[in-house]
Amino acid sequence: MCSGWAAFSHALARRAASRAGLTRQEARAQDPVRLLVGATLPRLLVLLAAVASVLIVAAPLVVGVLAPGLPDPGLAVECTRMTALTVLSFGVAGYFSAALRAHRSFVPPAAIYVSYNVGIIGTMVALHALWGVRAAAAGVAVGGVLMALVQLPAFIRNVGFGPPRAKGAPRCQRDRDRPTLIAFGVIAPVIFFAVFRQSQVLVERFLAASLPPGAISHLNYAQKVAQMPMVLSLMICTVTFPVVAQAMAGGERDKARRRVERDLALASLAVLMGTALVIGYAPQIIQVLFERGAFTHTDTEATASVMRVYGLGLLGHCLVGALSRPFFSTARPTWFPALAMGSGLLVNIVAGAFAVGWWGIYGIAAANAAGISTTAVLLLTGLGSRIIAIQVRRVAISIGRLSVAALAACATGWIAGPMIPDPLVSAALGCLLVPAMFGATGMAIRALEVTALPGQLAQLTAHLTSQLTQRFRNVR
C-alpha cells in the first residue's frame, strides 16, 4: 500500500494548500482527502470482491497448480475458499493503514497483527473440535476481518468517508482527485511489484513439493523466524515514509533525500544486527521456539540450517522494502520497481530450478537470497537517477562497513552459542553478545551509523515523544 500512502500524502499536501480563504463548509466539500476516499474506496471494494469471488470459484484449479499431488485436494480447496475472503479484508485493512499512517496515526495500523493472530487463535480454539484443520482457515478469514475492524474507528475519526465527487469543486479539481489510487495506469506498477514479490513464496513451495515430507515445513518455519529482523528494521521506514511522501509532494527533494539516506542507514544497521543474531544462534532459537512434540531435534537442525541460508538475503529483503517506498512516493509510480522485482523473481526461479536438485531446500533458500539481493541492487542503483538523488556510492560503502560488523558479530555468536548447553540461556546471552560485538566492530572500523547511533536514537525518541504528547493533548 505504498501507493496509498503517497496518494493520501499528496492529498494532505493539497488540503493544506487549498484551505486558505475557504469557509469550513467549503473546505469540507472540497477536501482532497475526502474526495480521494469517495473516489477510490468504493472502486477498491468492488475490485477486491471480484478477485475474491474468482479465487473462490477457481479454488480447485489453484490448488491443482500450486500443490500438485495432494492426497486430499478437497480439503485444500475448502480451506482455499475460506481464506480467499482475506483478499477483501486484507485490501481494506491495507487501505485503512495507508490513510492512517499518512495522517501520522500509527497505533491502529500496528494493532492489525495482534488482532489477526487473536482471530486465528480464537477461532481455532472455538472450532477445532468441530472443524479440525478447517478451523485454521476460518481463523485466517476472521483475523482478516478483525484487521479492518480494529482500524475502522480511527479511520472514521481521522479520515472519514467522503462523497464520490464534490459538486461545489471546480471540474479540474474533481478530475484531479478522482481515482488516483485505482486508475490502472497508477496502481498497475504497484500491483505487479507486489505480485512479483509474493510470487517468491509460491515458487519456493512449488519447487519444494517434489522434496521429501517435511521440507516445506522446514522452509516455512525458517522463513518466518528469519524475517523478524527485516520486519523490525522496516518499522523505521514505515514511520517515516509519510514524511518522505509529503516532502516529495511539496517539492522538498533535498529533505526527502536526507530522510531516505538516514532511513537506509538505520534500517540496514537494524537488519544486519538481527541477521548476525539469527545466523549465529539459529539452532538455539529454533530449539527454544519449536522443539517439542512432533518437532524433533532433527527438525531443529534442518530448520536452523535453512534459516542460516535465508539469513543471507535479509539485507536484500530490507533494502527492497525501504527502497521501493521512495519510488511509490511520487504522484505517479514508475514501472522500475516492478521490473526490478520481476528480474529478481526470474533469478529466483532459474537458480532455484537448478539448485533444488543439488542442495534441496538449501538451494531453494539460496535462490531466494540471490533473487531478492538482485532486486535490491537494481533498486539502489536506479533510485538516484530516477527519483531521489541519493549518493549511491556512499550508501553502498556504509552498508559494506555495517556488513563487516555483522560478519564479526555473526562469527562470534556461531562460536559462542554451542558453548552453553541450555538453548534458552545461550540465546538470551546472544542477544547481549551479538549487539556488543557488532557495536565494537563498527566503532573499530569507524562505521558512521554505529558511531552516530546514540544521537540518532535520541532524535528518534524525542520525535516519538513529541508525537505522543501532541496526541495526548488532542485527546484531552
Protein backbone atom coordinates (compact mmCIF):
# COMPACT_ATOMS: atom_id res chain seq x y z
CA MET A 1 0.00 0.00 0.00
CA CYS A 2 2.92 2.35 -0.62
CA SER A 3 0.92 3.97 -3.42
CA GLY A 4 -1.90 4.56 -0.93
CA TRP A 5 0.44 6.36 1.45
CA ALA A 6 1.67 8.51 -1.42
CA ALA A 7 -1.86 9.29 -2.63
CA PHE A 8 -3.01 10.33 0.83
CA SER A 9 0.18 12.29 1.45
CA HIS A 10 -0.35 14.24 -1.78
CA ALA A 11 -4.00 14.82 -0.83
CA LEU A 12 -2.93 16.10 2.60
CA ALA A 13 -0.44 18.45 0.96
CA ARG A 14 -3.18 19.79 -1.35
CA ARG A 15 -5.54 20.15 1.60
CA ALA A 16 -3.05 22.36 3.44
CA ALA A 17 -2.51 24.50 0.34
CA SER A 18 -6.16 24.90 -0.66
CA ARG A 19 -7.88 25.77 2.63
CA ALA A 20 -6.82 29.41 2.69
CA GLY A 21 -9.79 31.73 2.22
CA LEU A 22 -12.43 28.99 2.36
CA THR A 23 -15.22 28.62 4.89
CA ARG A 24 -15.36 25.44 6.94
CA GLN A 25 -18.24 24.10 4.85
CA GLU A 26 -16.45 24.88 1.58
CA ALA A 27 -13.22 23.36 2.84
CA ARG A 28 -15.06 20.19 3.83
CA ALA A 29 -16.86 19.98 0.48
CA GLN A 30 -13.60 20.45 -1.46
CA ASP A 31 -11.37 18.46 0.90
CA PRO A 32 -8.92 16.48 -1.32
CA VAL A 33 -8.72 13.69 1.27
CA ARG A 34 -12.49 13.18 1.34
CA LEU A 35 -12.62 13.38 -2.45
CA LEU A 36 -9.89 10.73 -2.67
CA VAL A 37 -11.72 8.38 -0.32
CA GLY A 38 -15.03 8.88 -2.06
CA ALA A 39 -13.48 8.20 -5.46
CA THR A 40 -11.30 5.23 -4.56
CA LEU A 41 -12.76 3.22 -1.68
CA PRO A 42 -15.96 2.05 -3.46
CA ARG A 43 -13.95 1.00 -6.52
CA LEU A 44 -11.43 -0.78 -4.33
CA LEU A 45 -14.21 -2.75 -2.63
CA VAL A 46 -15.68 -3.80 -5.97
CA LEU A 47 -12.29 -4.83 -7.34
CA LEU A 48 -11.29 -6.84 -4.28
CA ALA A 49 -14.69 -8.52 -4.06
CA ALA A 50 -14.40 -9.56 -7.72
CA VAL A 51 -10.92 -11.02 -7.19
CA ALA A 52 -12.06 -12.91 -4.10
CA SER A 53 -15.03 -14.32 -5.99
CA VAL A 54 -12.83 -15.52 -8.85
CA LEU A 55 -10.47 -17.19 -6.37
CA ILE A 56 -13.38 -18.95 -4.65
CA VAL A 57 -14.71 -20.29 -7.94
CA ALA A 58 -11.26 -21.26 -9.26
CA ALA A 59 -10.05 -22.82 -5.99
CA PRO A 60 -9.76 -26.37 -7.43
CA LEU A 61 -7.58 -25.11 -10.28
CA VAL A 62 -5.42 -23.03 -7.92
CA VAL A 63 -4.83 -26.00 -5.63
CA GLY A 64 -4.00 -28.25 -8.57
CA VAL A 65 -1.39 -25.80 -9.90
CA LEU A 66 0.24 -24.79 -6.62
CA ALA A 67 0.12 -28.11 -4.78
CA PRO A 68 0.02 -30.99 -7.27
CA GLY A 69 -0.22 -34.50 -5.88
CA LEU A 70 -2.06 -33.75 -2.63
CA PRO A 71 -3.73 -36.87 -1.20
CA ASP A 72 -6.86 -34.91 -0.23
CA PRO A 73 -7.29 -31.91 -2.57
CA GLY A 74 -10.91 -31.46 -1.49
CA LEU A 75 -9.84 -30.28 1.97
CA ALA A 76 -7.30 -27.90 0.46
CA VAL A 77 -10.00 -26.48 -1.84
CA GLU A 78 -12.33 -25.82 1.11
CA CYS A 79 -9.56 -24.07 3.06
CA THR A 80 -8.57 -22.04 -0.01
CA ARG A 81 -12.13 -20.82 -0.43
CA MET A 82 -12.32 -19.72 3.19
CA THR A 83 -9.01 -17.89 3.06
CA ALA A 84 -9.98 -16.25 -0.25
CA LEU A 85 -12.07 -13.84 1.80
CA THR A 86 -8.83 -12.28 3.01
CA VAL A 87 -8.35 -10.72 -0.43
CA LEU A 88 -11.12 -8.31 0.50
CA SER A 89 -10.29 -7.89 4.20
CA PHE A 90 -6.52 -7.53 3.68
CA GLY A 91 -7.09 -4.98 0.93
CA VAL A 92 -9.39 -2.87 3.07
CA ALA A 93 -7.04 -3.15 6.04
CA GLY A 94 -4.14 -2.03 3.87
CA TYR A 95 -6.16 0.92 2.59
CA PHE A 96 -7.03 1.97 6.14
CA SER A 97 -3.39 1.59 7.18
CA ALA A 98 -2.18 3.76 4.30
CA ALA A 99 -4.64 6.53 5.18
CA LEU A 100 -3.89 6.44 8.91
CA ARG A 101 -0.12 6.38 8.50
CA ALA A 102 -0.32 9.36 6.16
CA HIS A 103 -2.20 11.11 8.98
CA ARG A 104 0.60 10.14 11.42
CA SER A 105 -1.63 7.67 13.23
CA PHE A 106 0.49 4.54 13.77
CA VAL A 107 -1.09 2.70 16.71
CA PRO A 108 -4.20 1.30 14.91
CA PRO A 109 -2.17 0.03 11.92
CA ALA A 110 0.29 -1.59 14.31
CA ALA A 111 -2.59 -3.36 16.08
CA ILE A 112 -3.66 -5.26 12.96
CA TYR A 113 -1.15 -8.04 13.53
CA VAL A 114 -2.32 -8.58 17.10
CA SER A 115 -5.97 -8.68 16.01
CA TYR A 116 -5.09 -11.01 13.14
CA ASN A 117 -3.43 -13.52 15.47
CA VAL A 118 -6.24 -13.18 18.02
CA GLY A 119 -8.75 -14.04 15.31
CA ILE A 120 -6.79 -17.11 14.22
CA ILE A 121 -6.14 -18.44 17.72
CA GLY A 122 -9.64 -17.69 19.00
CA THR A 123 -11.33 -19.37 16.03
CA MET A 124 -9.08 -22.42 16.27
CA VAL A 125 -9.79 -22.81 19.97
CA ALA A 126 -13.53 -22.42 19.45
CA LEU A 127 -13.97 -24.58 16.32
CA HIS A 128 -11.08 -27.05 16.27
CA ALA A 129 -13.11 -29.88 17.77
CA LEU A 130 -15.88 -29.33 15.22
CA TRP A 131 -13.98 -28.43 12.02
CA GLY A 132 -10.48 -29.75 12.54
CA VAL A 133 -7.94 -28.14 10.21
CA ARG A 134 -10.70 -26.08 8.60
CA ALA A 135 -10.79 -24.06 11.80
CA ALA A 136 -7.34 -22.69 10.97
CA ALA A 137 -8.55 -21.48 7.56
CA ALA A 138 -11.64 -19.96 9.16
CA GLY A 139 -9.38 -18.27 11.70
CA VAL A 140 -7.41 -16.62 8.91
CA ALA A 141 -10.66 -15.26 7.48
CA VAL A 142 -11.82 -13.99 10.89
CA GLY A 143 -8.41 -12.47 11.59
CA GLY A 144 -8.54 -10.60 8.29
CA VAL A 145 -11.90 -9.07 9.20
CA LEU A 146 -10.55 -8.00 12.60
CA MET A 147 -7.59 -6.31 10.87
CA ALA A 148 -10.03 -3.96 9.16
CA LEU A 149 -12.38 -3.51 12.12
CA VAL A 150 -9.62 -2.58 14.56
CA GLN A 151 -8.73 0.39 12.33
CA LEU A 152 -12.25 1.46 11.42
CA PRO A 153 -12.90 3.86 14.36
CA ALA A 154 -9.59 5.66 13.82
CA PHE A 155 -10.22 5.82 10.07
CA ILE A 156 -13.64 7.42 10.60
CA ARG A 157 -12.21 9.86 13.14
CA ASN A 158 -9.11 10.91 11.17
CA VAL A 159 -10.17 10.48 7.55
CA GLY A 160 -13.90 9.90 7.19
CA PHE A 161 -15.92 8.71 4.22
CA GLY A 162 -16.15 11.32 1.50
CA PRO A 163 -18.67 11.76 -1.33
CA PRO A 164 -17.77 10.30 -4.73
CA ARG A 165 -17.37 13.85 -6.03
CA ALA A 166 -17.62 17.35 -4.63
CA LYS A 167 -20.32 19.20 -6.56
CA GLY A 168 -19.06 22.58 -5.48
CA ALA A 169 -15.50 21.92 -6.57
CA PRO A 170 -14.19 23.00 -9.97
CA ARG A 171 -14.23 20.39 -12.69
CA CYS A 172 -10.42 20.29 -12.94
CA GLN A 173 -10.11 19.62 -9.21
CA ARG A 174 -12.69 16.82 -9.31
CA ASP A 175 -10.79 15.20 -12.18
CA ARG A 176 -7.51 15.54 -10.32
CA ASP A 177 -8.92 13.95 -7.17
CA ARG A 178 -10.78 11.15 -8.87
CA PRO A 179 -9.50 7.61 -8.55
CA THR A 180 -5.78 8.26 -8.26
CA LEU A 181 -5.40 5.02 -6.34
CA ILE A 182 -7.44 2.68 -8.51
CA ALA A 183 -6.82 4.03 -12.01
CA PHE A 184 -4.96 1.27 -13.77
CA GLY A 185 -2.18 3.49 -15.03
CA VAL A 186 -1.29 4.46 -11.44
CA ILE A 187 -1.93 1.30 -9.47
CA ALA A 188 -0.71 -1.24 -12.03
CA PRO A 189 3.03 -0.80 -11.26
CA VAL A 190 2.35 -1.32 -7.56
CA ILE A 191 0.18 -4.38 -8.22
CA PHE A 192 2.83 -6.03 -10.39
CA PHE A 193 5.54 -5.23 -7.85
CA ALA A 194 3.50 -6.83 -5.04
CA VAL A 195 2.56 -9.85 -7.16
CA PHE A 196 6.17 -10.48 -8.21
CA ARG A 197 7.36 -10.20 -4.62
CA GLN A 198 4.71 -12.52 -3.18
CA SER A 199 5.32 -14.98 -6.02
CA GLN A 200 8.66 -15.83 -4.44
CA VAL A 201 6.82 -17.84 -1.81
CA LEU A 202 4.81 -19.69 -4.48
CA VAL A 203 8.00 -20.52 -6.38
CA GLU A 204 9.59 -21.94 -3.26
CA ARG A 205 6.58 -24.05 -2.36
CA PHE A 206 6.28 -25.36 -5.91
CA LEU A 207 9.95 -26.36 -6.03
CA ALA A 208 9.75 -27.95 -2.57
CA ALA A 209 6.68 -30.04 -3.49
CA SER A 210 8.95 -32.72 -5.02
CA LEU A 211 11.19 -32.95 -1.93
CA PRO A 212 10.72 -35.41 0.98
CA PRO A 213 7.93 -34.78 3.54
CA GLY A 214 8.75 -32.03 5.99
CA ALA A 215 10.74 -29.91 3.52
CA ILE A 216 8.01 -27.29 3.13
CA SER A 217 7.56 -27.11 6.91
CA HIS A 218 11.28 -26.53 7.41
CA LEU A 219 11.21 -23.76 4.80
CA ASN A 220 8.16 -22.15 6.35
CA TYR A 221 9.46 -22.18 9.94
CA ALA A 222 12.89 -20.94 8.89
CA GLN A 223 11.50 -18.14 6.75
CA LYS A 224 9.06 -16.85 9.36
CA VAL A 225 11.70 -16.65 12.09
CA ALA A 226 14.42 -15.26 9.83
CA GLN A 227 12.18 -12.43 8.65
CA MET A 228 11.75 -10.97 12.13
CA PRO A 229 14.83 -8.68 11.88
CA MET A 230 13.63 -7.49 8.49
CA VAL A 231 10.16 -6.66 9.83
CA LEU A 232 11.58 -4.76 12.80
CA SER A 233 14.02 -2.80 10.63
CA LEU A 234 11.28 -1.74 8.20
CA MET A 235 9.28 -0.21 11.05
CA ILE A 236 11.71 2.71 10.80
CA CYS A 237 10.76 3.31 7.17
CA THR A 238 7.09 2.72 7.91
CA VAL A 239 7.01 5.55 10.44
CA THR A 240 8.98 8.00 8.29
CA PHE A 241 7.52 7.18 4.87
CA PRO A 242 4.69 9.76 5.17
CA VAL A 243 7.38 12.39 5.75
CA VAL A 244 9.14 11.34 2.53
CA ALA A 245 5.88 11.27 0.57
CA GLN A 246 4.79 14.70 1.82
CA ALA A 247 8.25 16.14 1.13
CA MET A 248 8.07 14.79 -2.44
CA ALA A 249 4.56 16.21 -2.82
CA GLY A 250 5.78 19.60 -1.62
CA GLY A 251 8.82 19.61 -3.90
CA GLU A 252 11.30 19.35 -0.98
CA ARG A 253 13.65 16.95 -2.74
CA ASP A 254 16.65 17.61 -0.51
CA LYS A 255 14.64 16.90 2.62
CA ALA A 256 13.35 13.67 1.10
CA ARG A 257 16.90 12.66 0.09
CA ARG A 258 18.28 13.17 3.59
CA ARG A 259 15.40 11.21 5.10
CA VAL A 260 15.81 8.31 2.67
CA GLU A 261 19.57 8.11 3.26
CA ARG A 262 19.09 8.13 7.02
CA ASP A 263 16.35 5.51 6.81
CA LEU A 264 18.52 3.25 4.67
CA ALA A 265 21.37 3.53 7.16
CA LEU A 266 19.23 2.84 10.22
CA ALA A 267 17.27 0.02 8.56
CA SER A 268 20.49 -1.63 7.34
CA LEU A 269 22.03 -1.36 10.78
CA ALA A 270 18.98 -2.94 12.42
CA VAL A 271 18.57 -5.77 9.91
CA LEU A 272 22.28 -6.65 9.83
CA MET A 273 22.48 -6.80 13.59
CA GLY A 274 19.40 -9.03 13.61
CA THR A 275 20.88 -11.13 10.80
CA ALA A 276 24.02 -11.74 12.85
CA LEU A 277 21.87 -12.97 15.73
CA VAL A 278 19.63 -15.13 13.53
CA ILE A 279 22.55 -16.82 11.77
CA GLY A 280 24.84 -17.12 14.77
CA TYR A 281 22.22 -18.54 17.13
CA ALA A 282 19.92 -20.30 14.65
CA PRO A 283 19.94 -23.76 16.38
CA GLN A 284 19.28 -22.26 19.81
CA ILE A 285 16.46 -20.02 18.55
CA ILE A 286 14.69 -22.82 16.70
CA GLN A 287 15.11 -25.23 19.60
CA VAL A 288 13.57 -22.77 22.08
CA LEU A 289 10.67 -21.89 19.79
CA PHE A 290 9.67 -25.21 18.25
CA GLU A 291 11.45 -28.31 19.57
CA ARG A 292 8.60 -30.10 21.32
CA GLY A 293 6.00 -32.71 20.42
CA ALA A 294 6.37 -33.89 16.83
CA PHE A 295 9.08 -31.31 16.13
CA THR A 296 12.24 -33.33 16.81
CA HIS A 297 15.89 -32.37 17.18
CA THR A 298 16.43 -33.46 13.57
CA ASP A 299 13.80 -30.93 12.51
CA THR A 300 15.60 -28.30 14.58
CA GLU A 301 18.90 -28.94 12.82
CA ALA A 302 17.31 -28.87 9.35
CA THR A 303 15.28 -25.72 10.04
CA ALA A 304 18.25 -23.91 11.60
CA SER A 305 20.44 -24.71 8.61
CA VAL A 306 17.80 -23.40 6.20
CA MET A 307 17.34 -20.29 8.33
CA ARG A 308 21.05 -19.54 8.12
CA VAL A 309 20.83 -19.64 4.33
CA TYR A 310 17.72 -17.44 4.35
CA GLY A 311 19.62 -15.00 6.55
CA LEU A 312 21.93 -14.21 3.66
CA GLY A 313 19.02 -12.48 1.91
CA LEU A 314 17.67 -10.48 4.85
CA LEU A 315 19.57 -7.34 3.89
CA GLY A 316 18.14 -7.63 0.38
CA HIS A 317 14.60 -8.01 1.71
CA CYS A 318 15.07 -4.97 3.96
CA LEU A 319 16.52 -2.82 1.18
CA VAL A 320 13.75 -3.79 -1.25
CA GLY A 321 11.14 -2.75 1.31
CA ALA A 322 12.93 0.50 2.10
CA LEU A 323 13.90 1.45 -1.46
CA SER A 324 10.51 0.74 -3.02
CA ARG A 325 8.83 3.38 -0.84
CA PRO A 326 10.51 6.44 -2.45
CA PHE A 327 9.63 5.09 -5.90
CA PHE A 328 5.98 4.95 -4.84
CA SER A 329 6.01 8.36 -3.14
CA THR A 330 5.67 10.22 -6.44
CA ALA A 331 2.34 11.31 -7.84
CA ARG A 332 2.56 8.58 -10.47
CA PRO A 333 4.58 5.48 -9.51
CA THR A 334 7.06 4.24 -12.09
CA TRP A 335 7.39 0.75 -13.52
CA PHE A 336 11.04 0.43 -12.47
CA PRO A 337 10.38 -1.32 -9.10
CA ALA A 338 8.12 -3.86 -10.79
CA LEU A 339 10.74 -4.54 -13.47
CA ALA A 340 13.46 -4.86 -10.82
CA MET A 341 11.29 -7.22 -8.79
CA GLY A 342 10.48 -9.23 -11.91
CA SER A 343 14.20 -9.56 -12.64
CA GLY A 344 14.83 -10.78 -9.11
CA LEU A 345 11.97 -13.26 -9.43
CA LEU A 346 13.47 -14.60 -12.64
CA VAL A 347 16.81 -15.11 -10.88
CA ASN A 348 14.96 -16.88 -8.07
CA ILE A 349 13.15 -19.21 -10.47
CA VAL A 350 16.19 -20.12 -12.58
CA ALA A 351 18.58 -20.50 -9.65
CA GLY A 352 16.00 -22.46 -7.65
CA ALA A 353 15.24 -24.84 -10.50
CA PHE A 354 18.95 -25.69 -10.84
CA ALA A 355 19.85 -25.67 -7.14
CA VAL A 356 16.94 -27.73 -5.79
CA GLY A 357 18.28 -30.86 -7.46
CA TRP A 358 21.72 -30.46 -5.90
CA TRP A 359 21.06 -28.91 -2.48
CA GLY A 360 17.35 -29.46 -1.85
CA ILE A 361 15.77 -26.94 0.49
CA TYR A 362 19.10 -25.18 0.99
CA GLY A 363 19.23 -24.49 -2.74
CA ILE A 364 15.72 -23.04 -2.61
CA ALA A 365 16.66 -20.72 0.26
CA ALA A 366 19.88 -19.67 -1.51
CA ALA A 367 17.92 -18.89 -4.68
CA ASN A 368 15.57 -16.70 -2.64
CA ALA A 369 18.54 -14.77 -1.24
CA ALA A 370 20.06 -14.36 -4.71
CA GLY A 371 16.81 -13.15 -6.26
CA ILE A 372 15.95 -10.58 -3.61
CA SER A 373 19.54 -9.32 -3.50
CA THR A 374 19.43 -8.78 -7.27
CA THR A 375 16.29 -6.68 -6.86
CA ALA A 376 17.87 -4.66 -4.03
CA VAL A 377 20.93 -3.83 -6.14
CA LEU A 378 18.76 -2.73 -9.07
CA LEU A 379 16.57 -0.52 -6.87
CA LEU A 380 19.56 1.05 -5.12
CA THR A 381 21.31 1.93 -8.37
CA GLY A 382 18.09 3.11 -10.01
CA LEU A 383 16.76 5.31 -7.21
CA GLY A 384 19.34 8.08 -7.56
CA SER A 385 18.88 8.56 -11.29
CA ARG A 386 15.08 8.30 -11.34
CA ILE A 387 13.51 9.57 -8.11
CA ILE A 388 15.81 10.99 -5.42
CA ALA A 389 19.45 11.92 -5.99
CA ILE A 390 20.85 9.85 -3.13
CA GLN A 391 24.60 9.27 -3.04
CA VAL A 392 24.60 5.61 -4.05
CA ARG A 393 28.32 5.09 -3.57
CA ARG A 394 28.28 6.49 -0.06
CA VAL A 395 25.24 4.39 0.85
CA ALA A 396 26.90 1.26 -0.56
CA ILE A 397 30.13 1.91 1.40
CA SER A 398 28.08 2.46 4.54
CA ILE A 399 26.22 -0.82 4.07
CA GLY A 400 29.55 -2.56 3.37
CA ARG A 401 31.02 -1.40 6.68
CA LEU A 402 27.92 -2.49 8.55
CA SER A 403 28.17 -5.88 6.84
CA VAL A 404 31.71 -6.29 8.15
CA ALA A 405 30.47 -5.56 11.67
CA ALA A 406 27.63 -8.06 11.17
CA LEU A 407 30.06 -10.72 9.95
CA ALA A 408 32.22 -10.34 13.06
CA ALA A 409 29.17 -10.47 15.35
CA CYS A 410 27.77 -13.49 13.50
CA ALA A 411 31.07 -15.40 13.79
CA THR A 412 31.19 -14.63 17.50
CA GLY A 413 27.69 -15.96 18.03
CA TRP A 414 28.31 -19.05 15.88
CA ILE A 415 31.31 -19.95 18.05
CA ALA A 416 29.92 -18.94 21.44
CA GLY A 417 26.40 -20.34 21.02
CA PRO A 418 27.18 -24.07 21.43
CA MET A 419 29.37 -23.40 24.46
CA ILE A 420 26.27 -23.05 26.68
CA PRO A 421 24.17 -26.25 26.74
CA ASP A 422 20.88 -24.59 27.69
CA PRO A 423 19.44 -23.13 24.46
CA LEU A 424 17.32 -20.51 26.23
CA VAL A 425 20.24 -19.18 28.26
CA SER A 426 22.50 -19.30 25.22
CA ALA A 427 20.06 -17.36 23.05
CA ALA A 428 19.43 -14.81 25.81
CA LEU A 429 23.15 -14.17 26.23
CA GLY A 430 23.44 -13.96 22.46
CA CYS A 431 21.01 -11.03 22.48
CA LEU A 432 23.67 -9.19 24.51
CA LEU A 433 26.83 -10.59 22.95
CA VAL A 434 25.94 -10.05 19.29
CA PRO A 435 24.98 -6.34 19.60
CA ALA A 436 28.05 -5.72 21.75
CA MET A 437 30.36 -7.29 19.16
CA PHE A 438 28.53 -5.52 16.35
CA GLY A 439 28.97 -2.17 18.07
CA ALA A 440 32.60 -2.77 18.97
CA THR A 441 33.48 -3.79 15.41
CA GLY A 442 31.54 -0.86 13.98
CA MET A 443 33.42 1.53 16.22
CA ALA A 444 36.75 -0.05 15.27
CA ILE A 445 36.18 0.30 11.52
CA ARG A 446 34.56 3.72 12.00
CA ALA A 447 31.14 2.87 10.63
CA LEU A 448 29.39 6.23 10.85
CA GLU A 449 25.97 4.68 11.52
CA VAL A 450 27.31 2.95 14.63
CA THR A 451 29.18 5.97 15.96
CA ALA A 452 26.21 8.27 15.33
CA LEU A 453 23.62 5.80 16.62
CA PRO A 454 23.22 7.29 20.13
CA GLY A 455 22.44 10.73 18.70
CA GLN A 456 20.03 9.31 16.11
CA LEU A 457 18.22 7.28 18.75
CA ALA A 458 17.92 10.37 20.91
CA GLN A 459 16.41 12.31 17.98
CA LEU A 460 14.01 9.47 17.17
CA THR A 461 12.94 9.18 20.81
CA ALA A 462 12.36 12.92 21.03
CA HIS A 463 10.30 12.83 17.83
CA LEU A 464 8.14 9.96 19.04
CA THR A 465 7.71 11.59 22.47
CA SER A 466 6.56 14.86 20.91
CA GLN A 467 4.10 12.99 18.68
CA LEU A 468 2.64 11.08 21.63
CA THR A 469 2.45 14.24 23.76
CA GLN A 470 0.64 16.10 20.99
CA ARG A 471 -1.83 13.26 20.52
CA PHE A 472 -2.48 13.06 24.26
CA ARG A 473 -3.25 16.76 24.35
CA ASN A 474 -5.60 16.42 21.40
CA VAL A 475 -7.43 13.59 23.12
CA ARG A 476 -7.82 15.63 26.27
